[in-house]
Amino acid sequence: MPIKILVIDDDSAVTDLLSLLLRSQGFEVSATTNSTEGLSMIRENAPDVVVLDLMMPEMDGWQICKAVREFSQVPIIILSALNDPSMIASVLDAGADDYLTKPFAFSELLARIQ
């Protein structure tokens, strides 16, 4: 059974590209550009991994991590253009499991998912 990955990023170019690349590696991928919808999808679909943008309208990555940790321990990988060590520490403290700075190598994301 393939690993189910949910991609949440407010940039549709990012969700489309990641979905295409991850599917090409055999993953089952769902994606949304809406953070509130993403949180609902985590509740309803129980993905194996969540790939989450940090800076989004409505709910940001910190809020989503905290909300998810109230009901799930699904691994959360943050993707962000921000490379501030204190910010990285704060989102890891909020419940994220890993953090990749954009731009990143797809091979690195694959390794972290595995």
C-alpha atoms as a PDB file:
ATOM      1  CA  MET A   1       0.000   0.000   0.000  1.00  0.00           C
ATOM      2  CA  PRO A   2       1.552   3.341  -0.983  1.00  0.00           C
ATOM      3  CA  ILE A   3       2.470   5.973   1.580  1.00  0.00           C
ATOM      4  CA  LYS A   4      -0.206   8.705   1.704  1.00  0.00           C
ATOM      5  CA  ILE A   5       1.199  12.240   1.629  1.00  0.00           C
ATOM      6  CA  LEU A   6      -0.750  15.464   2.069  1.00  0.00           C
ATOM      7  CA  VAL A   7       0.845  18.640   0.676  1.00  0.00           C
ATOM      8  CA  ILE A   8      -0.430  21.959   2.062  1.00  0.00           C
ATOM      9  CA  ASP A   9       0.988  25.125   0.475  1.00  0.00           C
ATOM     10  CA  ASP A  10      -0.770  28.341  -0.540  1.00  0.00           C
ATOM     11  CA  ASP A  11       1.212  28.391  -3.803  1.00  0.00           C
ATOM     12  CA  SER A  12      -0.521  26.118  -6.329  1.00  0.00           C
ATOM     13  CA  ALA A  13       2.680  25.861  -8.383  1.00  0.00           C
ATOM     14  CA  VAL A  14       4.360  24.239  -5.367  1.00  0.00           C
ATOM     15  CA  THR A  15       1.483  21.843  -4.650  1.00  0.00           C
ATOM     16  CA  ASP A  16       1.228  20.881  -8.334  1.00  0.00           C
ATOM     17  CA  LEU A  17       4.972  20.266  -8.715  1.00  0.00           C
ATOM     18  CA  LEU A  18       5.334  18.343  -5.444  1.00  0.00           C
ATOM     19  CA  SER A  19       2.257  16.261  -6.255  1.00  0.00           C
ATOM     20  CA  LEU A  20       3.667  15.355  -9.668  1.00  0.00           C
ATOM     21  CA  LEU A  21       7.135  14.525  -8.327  1.00  0.00           C
ATOM     22  CA  LEU A  22       5.862  12.530  -5.339  1.00  0.00           C
ATOM     23  CA  ARG A  23       3.384  10.552  -7.465  1.00  0.00           C
ATOM     24  CA  SER A  24       6.238   9.698  -9.839  1.00  0.00           C
ATOM     25  CA  GLN A  25       7.929   8.026  -6.845  1.00  0.00           C
ATOM     26  CA  GLY A  26       4.864   5.880  -6.083  1.00  0.00           C
ATOM     27  CA  PHE A  27       3.297   7.931  -3.293  1.00  0.00           C
ATOM     28  CA  GLU A  28      -0.432   8.548  -3.016  1.00  0.00           C
ATOM     29  CA  VAL A  29      -0.688  12.363  -2.899  1.00  0.00           C
ATOM     30  CA  SER A  30      -3.426  14.781  -1.903  1.00  0.00           C
ATOM     31  CA  ALA A  31      -2.858  18.518  -1.978  1.00  0.00           C
ATOM     32  CA  THR A  32      -4.549  21.781  -1.063  1.00  0.00           C
ATOM     33  CA  THR A  33      -3.707  25.463  -1.162  1.00  0.00           C
ATOM     34  CA  ASN A  34      -6.043  26.197   1.751  1.00  0.00           C
ATOM     35  CA  SER A  35      -4.707  25.713   5.275  1.00  0.00           C
ATOM     36  CA  THR A  36      -8.128  25.247   6.896  1.00  0.00           C
ATOM     37  CA  GLU A  37      -9.064  22.636   4.300  1.00  0.00           C
ATOM     38  CA  GLY A  38      -5.681  20.990   4.882  1.00  0.00           C
ATOM     39  CA  LEU A  39      -6.390  20.610   8.574  1.00  0.00           C
ATOM     40  CA  SER A  40      -9.749  18.984   7.749  1.00  0.00           C
ATOM     41  CA  MET A  41      -8.024  16.663   5.270  1.00  0.00           C
ATOM     42  CA  ILE A  42      -5.593  15.532   7.972  1.00  0.00           C
ATOM     43  CA  ARG A  43      -8.520  14.682  10.249  1.00  0.00           C
ATOM     44  CA  GLU A  44     -10.551  12.919   7.564  1.00  0.00           C
ATOM     45  CA  ASN A  45      -7.894  11.171   5.457  1.00  0.00           C
ATOM     46  CA  ALA A  46      -5.222  10.279   8.055  1.00  0.00           C
ATOM     47  CA  PRO A  47      -2.192  10.768   5.783  1.00  0.00           C
ATOM     48  CA  ASP A  48       1.097   9.054   6.631  1.00  0.00           C
ATOM     49  CA  VAL A  49       3.085  12.294   6.154  1.00  0.00           C
ATOM     50  CA  VAL A  50       2.150  15.984   5.900  1.00  0.00           C
ATOM     51  CA  VAL A  51       4.326  18.388   3.888  1.00  0.00           C
ATOM     52  CA  LEU A  52       3.359  21.852   5.111  1.00  0.00           C
ATOM     53  CA  ASP A  53       4.264  25.407   4.123  1.00  0.00           C
ATOM     54  CA  LEU A  54       4.984  27.662   7.090  1.00  0.00           C
ATOM     55  CA  MET A  55       3.709  31.045   5.925  1.00  0.00           C
ATOM     56  CA  MET A  56       0.095  30.868   4.744  1.00  0.00           C
ATOM     57  CA  PRO A  57      -3.043  32.976   5.071  1.00  0.00           C
ATOM     58  CA  GLU A  58      -5.838  31.915   7.434  1.00  0.00           C
ATOM     59  CA  MET A  59      -3.792  29.453   9.510  1.00  0.00           C
ATOM     60  CA  ASP A  60       0.009  29.406   9.437  1.00  0.00           C
ATOM     61  CA  GLY A  61       2.222  26.374   9.930  1.00  0.00           C
ATOM     62  CA  TRP A  62       2.548  26.924  13.683  1.00  0.00           C
ATOM     63  CA  GLN A  63      -1.233  26.957  14.138  1.00  0.00           C
ATOM     64  CA  ILE A  64      -1.703  23.869  11.997  1.00  0.00           C
ATOM     65  CA  CYS A  65       1.038  21.960  13.858  1.00  0.00           C
ATOM     66  CA  LYS A  66      -0.507  22.785  17.235  1.00  0.00           C
ATOM     67  CA  ALA A  67      -3.990  21.836  16.044  1.00  0.00           C
ATOM     68  CA  VAL A  68      -2.817  18.543  14.521  1.00  0.00           C
ATOM     69  CA  ARG A  69      -0.939  17.553  17.682  1.00  0.00           C
ATOM     70  CA  GLU A  70      -4.231  17.686  19.586  1.00  0.00           C
ATOM     71  CA  PHE A  71      -5.455  14.608  17.664  1.00  0.00           C
ATOM     72  CA  SER A  72      -2.582  13.042  15.685  1.00  0.00           C
ATOM     73  CA  GLN A  73       1.127  12.229  15.688  1.00  0.00           C
ATOM     74  CA  VAL A  74       1.390  12.205  11.876  1.00  0.00           C
ATOM     75  CA  PRO A  75       4.910  13.273  10.810  1.00  0.00           C
ATOM     76  CA  ILE A  76       4.924  16.915   9.641  1.00  0.00           C
ATOM     77  CA  ILE A  77       7.669  18.252   7.374  1.00  0.00           C
ATOM     78  CA  ILE A  78       7.748  22.049   7.116  1.00  0.00           C
ATOM     79  CA  LEU A  79       8.840  23.737   3.888  1.00  0.00           C
ATOM     80  CA  SER A  80       9.716  27.420   4.179  1.00  0.00           C
ATOM     81  CA  ALA A  81      11.826  30.127   2.579  1.00  0.00           C
ATOM     82  CA  LEU A  82      12.589  31.382   6.099  1.00  0.00           C
ATOM     83  CA  ASN A  83      15.950  30.266   7.417  1.00  0.00           C
ATOM     84  CA  ASP A  84      15.966  31.698  10.931  1.00  0.00           C
ATOM     85  CA  PRO A  85      17.202  29.220  13.587  1.00  0.00           C
ATOM     86  CA  SER A  86      14.893  30.590  16.295  1.00  0.00           C
ATOM     87  CA  MET A  87      11.903  30.309  13.945  1.00  0.00           C
ATOM     88  CA  ILE A  88      12.869  26.761  13.012  1.00  0.00           C
ATOM     89  CA  ALA A  89      13.130  25.860  16.692  1.00  0.00           C
ATOM     90  CA  SER A  90       9.764  27.438  17.406  1.00  0.00           C
ATOM     91  CA  VAL A  91       7.925  25.462  14.712  1.00  0.00           C
ATOM     92  CA  LEU A  92       9.635  22.236  15.832  1.00  0.00           C
ATOM     93  CA  ASP A  93       8.468  23.046  19.370  1.00  0.00           C
ATOM     94  CA  ALA A  94       4.938  23.550  17.993  1.00  0.00           C
ATOM     95  CA  GLY A  95       4.916  19.954  16.762  1.00  0.00           C
ATOM     96  CA  ALA A  96       6.686  19.791  13.406  1.00  0.00           C
ATOM     97  CA  ASP A  97       9.039  16.843  12.939  1.00  0.00           C
ATOM     98  CA  ASP A  98      11.363  18.286  10.305  1.00  0.00           C
ATOM     99  CA  TYR A  99      12.119  21.530   8.467  1.00  0.00           C
ATOM    100  CA  LEU A 100      13.436  22.127   4.959  1.00  0.00           C
ATOM    101  CA  THR A 101      14.405  25.553   3.662  1.00  0.00           C
ATOM    102  CA  LYS A 102      13.226  26.482   0.154  1.00  0.00           C
ATOM    103  CA  PRO A 103      14.702  25.993  -2.323  1.00  0.00           C
ATOM    104  CA  PHE A 104      15.498  22.378  -1.496  1.00  0.00           C
ATOM    105  CA  ALA A 105      16.612  19.322  -3.406  1.00  0.00           C
ATOM    106  CA  PHE A 106      13.754  16.908  -4.116  1.00  0.00           C
ATOM    107  CA  SER A 107      16.084  14.039  -3.203  1.00  0.00           C
ATOM    108  CA  GLU A 108      16.445  15.532   0.290  1.00  0.00           C
ATOM    109  CA  LEU A 109      12.675  15.725   0.731  1.00  0.00           C
ATOM    110  CA  LEU A 110      12.384  12.087  -0.407  1.00  0.00           C
ATOM    111  CA  ALA A 111      15.038  11.012   2.102  1.00  0.00           C
ATOM    112  CA  ARG A 112      13.224  12.799   4.919  1.00  0.00           C
ATOM    113  CA  ILE A 113       9.884  11.249   3.951  1.00  0.00           C
ATOM    114  CA  GLN A 114      11.451   7.774   3.968  1.00  0.00           C
END
